[in-house]
Each structure stands twice: as structure tokens, then as C-alpha cells.
PDB file of N, CA and C in Angstrom:
ATOM      1  N   MET A   1      27.720  -4.629   7.834  1.00  0.00           N
ATOM      2  CA  MET A   1      26.186  -4.843   7.221  1.00  0.00           C
ATOM      3  C   MET A   1      25.429  -4.024   8.491  1.00  0.00           C
ATOM      4  N   ASP A   2      25.957  -4.140   9.687  1.00  0.00           N
ATOM      5  CA  ASP A   2      25.265  -3.340  10.418  1.00  0.00           C
ATOM      6  C   ASP A   2      24.950  -1.848  10.070  1.00  0.00           C
ATOM      7  N   ASP A   3      25.573  -1.443   9.453  1.00  0.00           N
ATOM      8  CA  ASP A   3      25.723   0.203   8.797  1.00  0.00           C
ATOM      9  C   ASP A   3      24.540   0.306   8.410  1.00  0.00           C
ATOM     10  N   PRO A   4      23.250   1.037   8.865  1.00  0.00           N
ATOM     11  CA  PRO A   4      22.041   1.453   8.016  1.00  0.00           C
ATOM     12  C   PRO A   4      22.459   1.830   6.740  1.00  0.00           C
ATOM     13  N   ILE A   5      23.556   2.586   6.238  1.00  0.00           N
ATOM     14  CA  ILE A   5      23.436   3.839   5.086  1.00  0.00           C
ATOM     15  C   ILE A   5      23.997   2.490   4.163  1.00  0.00           C
ATOM     16  N   ARG A   6      24.906   1.687   4.377  1.00  0.00           N
ATOM     17  CA  ARG A   6      25.856   0.912   3.263  1.00  0.00           C
ATOM     18  C   ARG A   6      24.596  -0.634   3.142  1.00  0.00           C
ATOM     19  N   THR A   7      23.594  -0.458   4.229  1.00  0.00           N
ATOM     20  CA  THR A   7      22.894  -2.142   3.949  1.00  0.00           C
ATOM     21  C   THR A   7      21.946  -2.230   2.823  1.00  0.00           C
ATOM     22  N   GLU A   8      22.499  -3.298   1.940  1.00  0.00           N
ATOM     23  CA  GLU A   8      21.759  -3.582   0.491  1.00  0.00           C
ATOM     24  C   GLU A   8      20.754  -4.426   0.717  1.00  0.00           C
ATOM     25  N   GLY A   9      19.663  -4.273  -0.039  1.00  0.00           N
ATOM     26  CA  GLY A   9      18.705  -5.506   0.002  1.00  0.00           C
ATOM     27  C   GLY A   9      17.865  -5.201   0.901  1.00  0.00           C
ATOM     28  N   ALA A  10      18.076  -4.164   1.665  1.00  0.00           N
ATOM     29  CA  ALA A  10      16.798  -4.035   3.043  1.00  0.00           C
ATOM     30  C   ALA A  10      15.876  -2.760   2.654  1.00  0.00           C
ATOM     31  N   GLU A  11      15.317  -2.422   1.515  1.00  0.00           N
ATOM     32  CA  GLU A  11      14.623  -1.669   0.774  1.00  0.00           C
ATOM     33  C   GLU A  11      13.308  -1.358   1.975  1.00  0.00           C
ATOM     34  N   PRO A  12      12.598  -2.327   1.980  1.00  0.00           N
ATOM     35  CA  PRO A  12      11.458  -2.714   2.724  1.00  0.00           C
ATOM     36  C   PRO A  12      11.372  -2.402   4.189  1.00  0.00           C
ATOM     37  N   GLU A  13      12.703  -2.962   4.986  1.00  0.00           N
ATOM     38  CA  GLU A  13      12.934  -2.542   6.269  1.00  0.00           C
ATOM     39  C   GLU A  13      13.006  -1.166   6.237  1.00  0.00           C
ATOM     40  N   PHE A  14      13.885  -0.663   5.609  1.00  0.00           N
ATOM     41  CA  PHE A  14      14.549   0.647   5.429  1.00  0.00           C
ATOM     42  C   PHE A  14      13.208   1.558   5.467  1.00  0.00           C
ATOM     43  N   LEU A  15      12.522   1.386   4.970  1.00  0.00           N
ATOM     44  CA  LEU A  15      11.144   2.244   4.753  1.00  0.00           C
ATOM     45  C   LEU A  15      10.074   2.074   5.832  1.00  0.00           C
ATOM     46  N   ALA A  16       9.874   0.576   6.176  1.00  0.00           N
ATOM     47  CA  ALA A  16       9.062   0.480   6.966  1.00  0.00           C
ATOM     48  C   ALA A  16       9.589   0.897   8.494  1.00  0.00           C
ATOM     49  N   SER A  17      10.740   1.517   8.937  1.00  0.00           N
ATOM     50  CA  SER A  17      11.132   1.839  10.161  1.00  0.00           C
ATOM     51  C   SER A  17      11.202   3.038  10.186  1.00  0.00           C
ATOM     52  N   ARG A  18      10.362   4.102   8.876  1.00  0.00           N
ATOM     53  CA  ARG A  18      10.122   5.342   9.466  1.00  0.00           C
ATOM     54  C   ARG A  18       9.618   5.855  10.201  1.00  0.00           C
ATOM     55  N   ARG A  19       8.295   5.065  10.150  1.00  0.00           N
ATOM     56  CA  ARG A  19       7.733   5.949  11.315  1.00  0.00           C
ATOM     57  C   ARG A  19       8.333   5.470  13.012  1.00  0.00           C
ATOM     58  N   ARG A  20       9.029   4.252  13.017  1.00  0.00           N
ATOM     59  CA  ARG A  20       9.395   4.074  14.556  1.00  0.00           C
ATOM     60  C   ARG A  20      10.792   4.891  14.647  1.00  0.00           C
ATOM     61  N   PHE A  21      11.605   5.453  13.426  1.00  0.00           N
ATOM     62  CA  PHE A  21      12.333   6.533  13.963  1.00  0.00           C
ATOM     63  C   PHE A  21      12.035   7.753  14.121  1.00  0.00           C
ATOM     64  N   ILE A  22      10.983   7.970  13.670  1.00  0.00           N
ATOM     65  CA  ILE A  22      10.285   9.478  13.844  1.00  0.00           C
ATOM     66  C   ILE A  22      10.279   9.198  15.444  1.00  0.00           C
ATOM     67  N   LEU A  23       9.380   8.567  15.742  1.00  0.00           N
ATOM     68  CA  LEU A  23       9.203   7.880  16.973  1.00  0.00           C
ATOM     69  C   LEU A  23       9.975   8.159  18.067  1.00  0.00           C
ATOM     70  N   VAL A  24      11.030   7.141  17.990  1.00  0.00           N
ATOM     71  CA  VAL A  24      12.332   6.768  18.826  1.00  0.00           C
ATOM     72  C   VAL A  24      12.877   8.211  18.759  1.00  0.00           C
ATOM     73  N   VAL A  25      13.728   8.434  17.657  1.00  0.00           N
ATOM     74  CA  VAL A  25      14.532  10.005  17.663  1.00  0.00           C
ATOM     75  C   VAL A  25      13.859  10.876  17.732  1.00  0.00           C
ATOM     76  N   GLY A  26      12.735  11.209  17.321  1.00  0.00           N
ATOM     77  CA  GLY A  26      12.031  12.646  17.002  1.00  0.00           C
ATOM     78  C   GLY A  26      11.786  12.839  18.201  1.00  0.00           C
ATOM     79  N   VAL A  27      10.456  12.317  18.674  1.00  0.00           N
ATOM     80  CA  VAL A  27       9.755  12.420  19.780  1.00  0.00           C
ATOM     81  C   VAL A  27      10.607  12.039  21.176  1.00  0.00           C
ATOM     82  N   LEU A  28      10.631  11.003  20.989  1.00  0.00           N
ATOM     83  CA  LEU A  28      11.105  10.381  22.370  1.00  0.00           C
ATOM     84  C   LEU A  28      12.927  10.882  22.519  1.00  0.00           C
ATOM     85  N   GLY A  29      13.559  10.861  21.726  1.00  0.00           N
ATOM     86  CA  GLY A  29      14.967  11.515  21.710  1.00  0.00           C
ATOM     87  C   GLY A  29      14.963  12.798  21.987  1.00  0.00           C
ATOM     88  N   TRP A  30      14.345  13.552  21.187  1.00  0.00           N
ATOM     89  CA  TRP A  30      14.377  15.078  20.892  1.00  0.00           C
ATOM     90  C   TRP A  30      13.516  15.821  21.875  1.00  0.00           C
ATOM     91  N   GLY A  31      11.994  15.451  21.482  1.00  0.00           N
ATOM     92  CA  GLY A  31      11.093  16.180  22.219  1.00  0.00           C
ATOM     93  C   GLY A  31      10.569  16.033  23.552  1.00  0.00           C
ATOM     94  N   VAL A  32      10.534  15.249  24.047  1.00  0.00           N
ATOM     95  CA  VAL A  32      10.302  14.814  25.557  1.00  0.00           C
ATOM     96  C   VAL A  32      11.758  15.329  26.312  1.00  0.00           C
ATOM     97  N   PRO A  33      12.953  14.754  26.044  1.00  0.00           N
ATOM     98  CA  PRO A  33      13.804  15.611  26.917  1.00  0.00           C
ATOM     99  C   PRO A  33      14.034  17.044  26.779  1.00  0.00           C
ATOM    100  N   THR A  34      13.908  17.763  25.549  1.00  0.00           N
ATOM    101  CA  THR A  34      13.765  19.267  25.339  1.00  0.00           C
ATOM    102  C   THR A  34      12.479  19.740  26.269  1.00  0.00           C
ATOM    103  N   ALA A  35      11.378  19.181  26.160  1.00  0.00           N
ATOM    104  CA  ALA A  35      10.212  19.580  27.054  1.00  0.00           C
ATOM    105  C   ALA A  35      10.451  19.840  28.655  1.00  0.00           C
ATOM    106  N   ILE A  36      11.174  18.552  29.318  1.00  0.00           N
ATOM    107  CA  ILE A  36      11.539  18.539  30.606  1.00  0.00           C
ATOM    108  C   ILE A  36      12.763  19.396  30.879  1.00  0.00           C
ATOM    109  N   LEU A  37      13.589  19.244  29.909  1.00  0.00           N
ATOM    110  CA  LEU A  37      14.671  20.543  30.146  1.00  0.00           C
ATOM    111  C   LEU A  37      14.326  21.678  30.396  1.00  0.00           C
ATOM    112  N   SER A  38      13.475  21.946  29.123  1.00  0.00           N
ATOM    113  CA  SER A  38      13.105  23.384  29.123  1.00  0.00           C
ATOM    114  C   SER A  38      12.504  23.842  30.189  1.00  0.00           C
ATOM    115  N   SER A  39      11.533  23.018  30.611  1.00  0.00           N
ATOM    116  CA  SER A  39      10.427  23.302  31.815  1.00  0.00           C
ATOM    117  C   SER A  39      11.491  23.343  33.075  1.00  0.00           C
ATOM    118  N   LEU A  40      12.548  22.725  33.420  1.00  0.00           N
ATOM    119  CA  LEU A  40      13.363  22.885  34.257  1.00  0.00           C
ATOM    120  C   LEU A  40      13.808  23.764  34.456  1.00  0.00           C
ATOM    121  N   LEU A  41      14.546  24.298  33.489  1.00  0.00           N
ATOM    122  CA  LEU A  41      15.359  25.817  33.101  1.00  0.00           C
ATOM    123  C   LEU A  41      14.434  26.947  33.542  1.00  0.00           C
ATOM    124  N   LEU A  42      13.047  26.605  33.081  1.00  0.00           N
ATOM    125  CA  LEU A  42      12.502  27.924  33.056  1.00  0.00           C
ATOM    126  C   LEU A  42      11.881  28.010  34.585  1.00  0.00           C
ATOM    127  N   GLN A  43      11.552  26.767  35.128  1.00  0.00           N
ATOM    128  CA  GLN A  43      11.515  26.978  36.713  1.00  0.00           C
ATOM    129  C   GLN A  43      12.607  27.573  37.421  1.00  0.00           C
ATOM    130  N   MET A  44      13.875  27.079  36.982  1.00  0.00           N
ATOM    131  CA  MET A  44      15.267  27.401  37.953  1.00  0.00           C
ATOM    132  C   MET A  44      15.069  28.773  37.743  1.00  0.00           C
ATOM    133  N   TRP A  45      14.735  29.562  36.484  1.00  0.00           N
ATOM    134  CA  TRP A  45      15.078  30.791  36.436  1.00  0.00           C
ATOM    135  C   TRP A  45      13.957  31.721  37.089  1.00  0.00           C
ATOM    136  N   LYS A  46      12.875  30.616  37.704  1.00  0.00           N
ATOM    137  CA  LYS A  46      11.692  31.388  38.081  1.00  0.00           C
ATOM    138  C   LYS A  46      12.245  31.681  39.588  1.00  0.00           C
ATOM    139  N   GLY A  47      12.948  30.529  40.196  1.00  0.00           N
ATOM    140  CA  GLY A  47      13.192  29.982  41.694  1.00  0.00           C
ATOM    141  C   GLY A  47      12.595  29.050  41.727  1.00  0.00           C
ATOM    142  N   PHE A  48      12.979  28.117  42.952  1.00  0.00           N
ATOM    143  CA  PHE A  48      12.564  26.777  43.584  1.00  0.00           C
ATOM    144  C   PHE A  48      11.656  27.141  44.765  1.00  0.00           C
ATOM    145  N   PRO A  49      10.783  27.508  44.714  1.00  0.00           N
ATOM    146  CA  PRO A  49       9.907  27.838  45.882  1.00  0.00           C
ATOM    147  C   PRO A  49       9.697  26.026  46.807  1.00  0.00           C
ATOM    148  N   PRO A  50       9.268  25.992  48.060  1.00  0.00           N
ATOM    149  CA  PRO A  50       8.955  24.923  48.710  1.00  0.00           C
ATOM    150  C   PRO A  50       7.851  24.243  47.622  1.00  0.00           C
ATOM    151  N   GLY A  51       8.043  22.810  47.291  1.00  0.00           N
ATOM    152  CA  GLY A  51       6.917  22.017  46.890  1.00  0.00           C
ATOM    153  C   GLY A  51       6.566  22.777  45.312  1.00  0.00           C
ATOM    154  N   TRP A  52       7.730  23.076  44.638  1.00  0.00           N
ATOM    155  CA  TRP A  52       7.656  23.666  43.022  1.00  0.00           C
ATOM    156  C   TRP A  52       7.156  22.486  42.342  1.00  0.00           C
ATOM    157  N   TYR A  53       7.413  21.405  42.562  1.00  0.00           N
ATOM    158  CA  TYR A  53       7.246  20.603  41.410  1.00  0.00           C
ATOM    159  C   TYR A  53       5.541  19.632  41.640  1.00  0.00           C
ATOM    160  N   GLN A  54       4.985  20.285  42.321  1.00  0.00           N
ATOM    161  CA  GLN A  54       3.590  20.054  42.968  1.00  0.00           C
ATOM    162  C   GLN A  54       2.610  20.933  42.524  1.00  0.00           C
ATOM    163  N   THR A  55       2.918  22.247  42.093  1.00  0.00           N
ATOM    164  CA  THR A  55       2.116  23.292  41.676  1.00  0.00           C
ATOM    165  C   THR A  55       1.966  23.108  40.185  1.00  0.00           C
ATOM    166  N   GLY A  56       0.575  23.594  40.040  1.00  0.00           N
ATOM    167  CA  GLY A  56      -0.547  23.386  38.840  1.00  0.00           C
ATOM    168  C   GLY A  56       0.300  24.387  37.709  1.00  0.00           C
ATOM    169  N   ARG A  57       0.895  25.289  38.222  1.00  0.00           N
ATOM    170  CA  ARG A  57       1.510  25.987  37.367  1.00  0.00           C
ATOM    171  C   ARG A  57       2.854  25.304  36.452  1.00  0.00           C
ATOM    172  N   PHE A  58       3.829  24.802  37.209  1.00  0.00           N
ATOM    173  CA  PHE A  58       5.078  24.005  36.757  1.00  0.00           C
ATOM    174  C   PHE A  58       4.093  22.786  35.728  1.00  0.00           C
ATOM    175  N   LEU A  59       3.428  22.073  36.499  1.00  0.00           N
ATOM    176  CA  LEU A  59       2.657  20.980  35.781  1.00  0.00           C
ATOM    177  C   LEU A  59       2.128  21.132  34.767  1.00  0.00           C
ATOM    178  N   GLY A  60       1.326  22.466  34.439  1.00  0.00           N
ATOM    179  CA  GLY A  60       0.710  22.847  33.201  1.00  0.00           C
ATOM    180  C   GLY A  60       1.680  23.445  32.393  1.00  0.00           C
ATOM    181  N   GLY A  61       2.682  23.779  32.450  1.00  0.00           N
ATOM    182  CA  GLY A  61       3.599  23.937  31.730  1.00  0.00           C
ATOM    183  C   GLY A  61       4.741  23.086  31.321  1.00  0.00           C
ATOM    184  N   LEU A  62       4.692  21.852  32.100  1.00  0.00           N
ATOM    185  CA  LEU A  62       5.376  20.898  31.465  1.00  0.00           C
ATOM    186  C   LEU A  62       4.375  19.901  30.514  1.00  0.00           C
ATOM    187  N   ALA A  63       3.062  19.886  30.920  1.00  0.00           N
ATOM    188  CA  ALA A  63       2.117  19.233  29.922  1.00  0.00           C
ATOM    189  C   ALA A  63       2.258  20.165  28.589  1.00  0.00           C
ATOM    190  N   LEU A  64       1.880  21.149  28.817  1.00  0.00           N
ATOM    191  CA  LEU A  64       2.140  22.044  27.601  1.00  0.00           C
ATOM    192  C   LEU A  64       3.275  22.080  26.773  1.00  0.00           C
ATOM    193  N   ALA A  65       4.542  22.075  27.536  1.00  0.00           N
ATOM    194  CA  ALA A  65       5.792  21.791  26.716  1.00  0.00           C
ATOM    195  C   ALA A  65       5.996  20.419  26.304  1.00  0.00           C
ATOM    196  N   LEU A  66       5.288  19.572  26.963  1.00  0.00           N
ATOM    197  CA  LEU A  66       5.466  18.088  26.365  1.00  0.00           C
ATOM    198  C   LEU A  66       4.650  17.975  24.980  1.00  0.00           C
ATOM    199  N   VAL A  67       3.425  18.728  24.945  1.00  0.00           N
ATOM    200  CA  VAL A  67       2.734  18.864  23.510  1.00  0.00           C
ATOM    201  C   VAL A  67       3.486  19.292  22.264  1.00  0.00           C
ATOM    202  N   VAL A  68       3.996  20.555  23.018  1.00  0.00           N
ATOM    203  CA  VAL A  68       4.480  21.254  21.946  1.00  0.00           C
ATOM    204  C   VAL A  68       5.914  20.596  21.426  1.00  0.00           C
ATOM    205  N   PHE A  69       6.927  20.172  22.218  1.00  0.00           N
ATOM    206  CA  PHE A  69       8.041  19.497  21.847  1.00  0.00           C
ATOM    207  C   PHE A  69       7.404  18.437  21.293  1.00  0.00           C
ATOM    208  N   ALA A  70       6.638  17.866  21.907  1.00  0.00           N
ATOM    209  CA  ALA A  70       6.195  16.187  20.794  1.00  0.00           C
ATOM    210  C   ALA A  70       6.242  16.656  19.435  1.00  0.00           C
ATOM    211  N   ILE A  71       5.307  17.413  19.481  1.00  0.00           N
ATOM    212  CA  ILE A  71       4.787  17.577  18.102  1.00  0.00           C
ATOM    213  C   ILE A  71       6.548  18.259  16.998  1.00  0.00           C
ATOM    214  N   SER A  72       6.904  19.204  17.926  1.00  0.00           N
ATOM    215  CA  SER A  72       8.279  19.439  17.109  1.00  0.00           C
ATOM    216  C   SER A  72       9.503  18.421  16.515  1.00  0.00           C
ATOM    217  N   GLY A  73       8.764  17.376  17.801  1.00  0.00           N
ATOM    218  CA  GLY A  73       9.933  16.389  17.394  1.00  0.00           C
ATOM    219  C   GLY A  73       9.641  14.992  15.986  1.00  0.00           C
ATOM    220  N   VAL A  74       8.407  15.275  15.931  1.00  0.00           N
ATOM    221  CA  VAL A  74       7.801  14.470  14.761  1.00  0.00           C
ATOM    222  C   VAL A  74       8.422  15.488  13.381  1.00  0.00           C
ATOM    223  N   PHE A  75       8.722  16.556  13.508  1.00  0.00           N
ATOM    224  CA  PHE A  75       9.092  17.319  12.542  1.00  0.00           C
ATOM    225  C   PHE A  75      10.740  17.099  12.461  1.00  0.00           C
ATOM    226  N   PHE A  76      11.135  17.301  13.478  1.00  0.00           N
ATOM    227  CA  PHE A  76      12.604  16.638  13.740  1.00  0.00           C
ATOM    228  C   PHE A  76      13.270  15.536  13.450  1.00  0.00           C
ATOM    229  N   GLY A  77      12.339  14.642  13.860  1.00  0.00           N
ATOM    230  CA  GLY A  77      12.519  12.879  13.262  1.00  0.00           C
ATOM    231  C   GLY A  77      12.350  12.963  11.726  1.00  0.00           C
ATOM    232  N   ALA A  78      11.494  13.590  11.205  1.00  0.00           N
ATOM    233  CA  ALA A  78      11.163  13.500   9.604  1.00  0.00           C
ATOM    234  C   ALA A  78      12.598  14.256   8.797  1.00  0.00           C
ATOM    235  N   VAL A  79      12.718  15.192   9.907  1.00  0.00           N
ATOM    236  CA  VAL A  79      13.968  15.936   8.768  1.00  0.00           C
ATOM    237  C   VAL A  79      15.277  14.980   8.847  1.00  0.00           C
ATOM    238  N   MET A  80      15.630  14.566  10.005  1.00  0.00           N
ATOM    239  CA  MET A  80      16.676  13.925  10.604  1.00  0.00           C
ATOM    240  C   MET A  80      16.503  12.435   9.589  1.00  0.00           C
ATOM    241  N   TRP A  81      15.371  11.879   9.423  1.00  0.00           N
ATOM    242  CA  TRP A  81      14.937  10.881   8.193  1.00  0.00           C
ATOM    243  C   TRP A  81      15.260  11.009   6.971  1.00  0.00           C
ATOM    244  N   GLY A  82      14.750  12.185   6.478  1.00  0.00           N
ATOM    245  CA  GLY A  82      15.338  12.517   5.171  1.00  0.00           C
ATOM    246  C   GLY A  82      16.588  12.721   4.808  1.00  0.00           C
ATOM    247  N   MET A  83      17.529  13.122   5.795  1.00  0.00           N
ATOM    248  CA  MET A  83      19.046  13.189   5.852  1.00  0.00           C
ATOM    249  C   MET A  83      19.561  11.853   5.687  1.00  0.00           C
ATOM    250  N   LEU A  84      19.137  11.114   6.524  1.00  0.00           N
ATOM    251  CA  LEU A  84      19.502   9.886   6.508  1.00  0.00           C
ATOM    252  C   LEU A  84      19.282   9.011   5.203  1.00  0.00           C
ATOM    253  N   ALA A  85      18.259   9.289   4.819  1.00  0.00           N
ATOM    254  CA  ALA A  85      17.628   8.429   3.472  1.00  0.00           C
ATOM    255  C   ALA A  85      18.472   9.566   2.337  1.00  0.00           C
ATOM    256  N   ARG A  86      18.803  10.476   2.239  1.00  0.00           N
ATOM    257  CA  ARG A  86      19.582  10.899   1.276  1.00  0.00           C
ATOM    258  C   ARG A  86      20.885  10.477   1.304  1.00  0.00           C
ATOM    259  N   ARG A  87      21.602  10.570   2.507  1.00  0.00           N
ATOM    260  CA  ARG A  87      23.026   9.805   2.929  1.00  0.00           C
ATOM    261  C   ARG A  87      22.929   8.258   2.493  1.00  0.00           C
ATOM    262  N   ARG A  88      21.749   7.929   2.468  1.00  0.00           N
ATOM    263  CA  ARG A  88      21.837   6.408   2.201  1.00  0.00           C
ATOM    264  C   ARG A  88      21.661   6.045   0.693  1.00  0.00           C
ATOM    265  N   ASN A  89      21.094   6.789   0.065  1.00  0.00           N
ATOM    266  CA  ASN A  89      20.884   6.906  -1.448  1.00  0.00           C
ATOM    267  C   ASN A  89      22.501   7.495  -2.228  1.00  0.00           C
ATOM    268  N   VAL A  90      22.836   8.163  -1.802  1.00  0.00           N
ATOM    269  CA  VAL A  90      24.394   8.759  -2.366  1.00  0.00           C
ATOM    270  C   VAL A  90      25.642   7.859  -2.091  1.00  0.00           C
ATOM    271  N   ALA A  91      25.329   7.180  -0.801  1.00  0.00           N
ATOM    272  CA  ALA A  91      26.232   6.038  -0.769  1.00  0.00           C
ATOM    273  C   ALA A  91      25.883   4.962  -1.508  1.00  0.00           C
ATOM    274  N   ALA A  92      24.725   4.575  -1.844  1.00  0.00           N
ATOM    275  CA  ALA A  92      24.234   3.372  -2.447  1.00  0.00           C
ATOM    276  C   ALA A  92      24.953   3.546  -4.078  1.00  0.00           C
ATOM    277  N   SER A  93      24.830   4.979  -4.531  1.00  0.00           N
ATOM    278  CA  SER A  93      24.751   5.183  -5.747  1.00  0.00           C
ATOM    279  C   SER A  93      26.486   5.360  -5.945  1.00  0.00           C
ATOM    280  N   MET A  94      27.110   5.676  -5.045  1.00  0.00           N
ATOM    281  CA  MET A  94      28.717   5.416  -5.146  1.00  0.00           C
ATOM    282  C   MET A  94      29.111   3.807  -5.355  1.00  0.00           C
ATOM    283  N   SER A  95      28.717   3.357  -4.767  1.00  0.00           N
ATOM    284  CA  SER A  95      28.938   1.617  -4.484  1.00  0.00           C
ATOM    285  C   SER A  95      28.602   1.333  -5.788  1.00  0.00           C
ATOM    286  N   ARG A  96      27.455   1.806  -6.494  1.00  0.00           N
ATOM    287  CA  ARG A  96      26.971   1.424  -7.718  1.00  0.00           C
ATOM    288  C   ARG A  96      27.805   1.516  -8.914  1.00  0.00           C
ATOM    289  N   ASN A  97      28.393   2.867  -8.787  1.00  0.00           N
ATOM    290  CA  ASN A  97      29.653   3.336  -9.801  1.00  0.00           C
ATOM    291  C   ASN A  97      30.637   2.769  -9.571  1.00  0.00           C
ATOM    292  N   ARG A  98      30.946   2.412  -8.185  1.00  0.00           N
ATOM    293  CA  ARG A  98      32.742   1.639  -7.906  1.00  0.00           C
ATOM    294  C   ARG A  98      32.529   0.321  -8.597  1.00  0.00           C
ATOM    295  N   SER A  99      31.230  -0.321  -8.606  1.00  0.00           N
ATOM    296  CA  SER A  99      31.230  -1.743  -8.912  1.00  0.00           C
ATOM    297  C   SER A  99      31.334  -1.770 -10.802  1.00  0.00           C
ATOM    298  N   GLY A 100      30.416  -1.003 -11.363  1.00  0.00           N
ATOM    299  CA  GLY A 100      30.362  -0.458 -12.600  1.00  0.00           C
ATOM    300  C   GLY A 100      29.207  -0.866 -12.998  1.00  0.00           C
ATOM    301  N   THR A 101      28.020  -1.069 -12.159  1.00  0.00           N
ATOM    302  CA  THR A 101      26.738  -1.656 -12.793  1.00  0.00           C
ATOM    303  C   THR A 101      25.917  -0.494 -12.694  1.00  0.00           C
TER     304      THR A 101
END
């Protein structure tokens, strides 16, 4: 019953958790780590001068990356939610077909 795909009778909880899913999986799970990683990789490519993490250029680039990747994370989370919902609907229809109702 812990599997979110096969949980029956939990439609309100499933639909209400859409925003939370997008926030956690899309923004926090994909957007923020990707922004940090891309900023660090870009800085590594440029080189690490002394005090590189305090420079306005790095912090400005990081701030911009956080905004851009967080917005992208919303779209990523929404796509992942759609895939999960579609998979859940297919599993539910297959279980209904097997039970004959």
C-alpha cells in the first residue's frame, strides 16, 4: 500500500500532493542542485583564483542559475508528475480489468 501507483481510494491525497511533488522533486531535487553544480563546473572551467567564492561574478552567476534552474525545475516536476499520473492511471485500469469491474 506504500506504492503511490497502486494506492486505491487515495485520489484527493494524490491530487493535493501535486504542488508539493513539483516543489520537492522539480525545484529542490532537480533545479537547485543543477544550478549549484553548473555554477561550480563553470567556475572550475574558468579556474579557481583565491577568494573565488566571494567574487560578485560567481555569486551573481549562482543567483541567476538558481532562478533559471528553479523555474526549469517547475516544468521538470510537472512533466514528472504527468508521467507518474499516467503510469498510475494505467496501473489502475489494468487492476480493474483483472478484477472484472
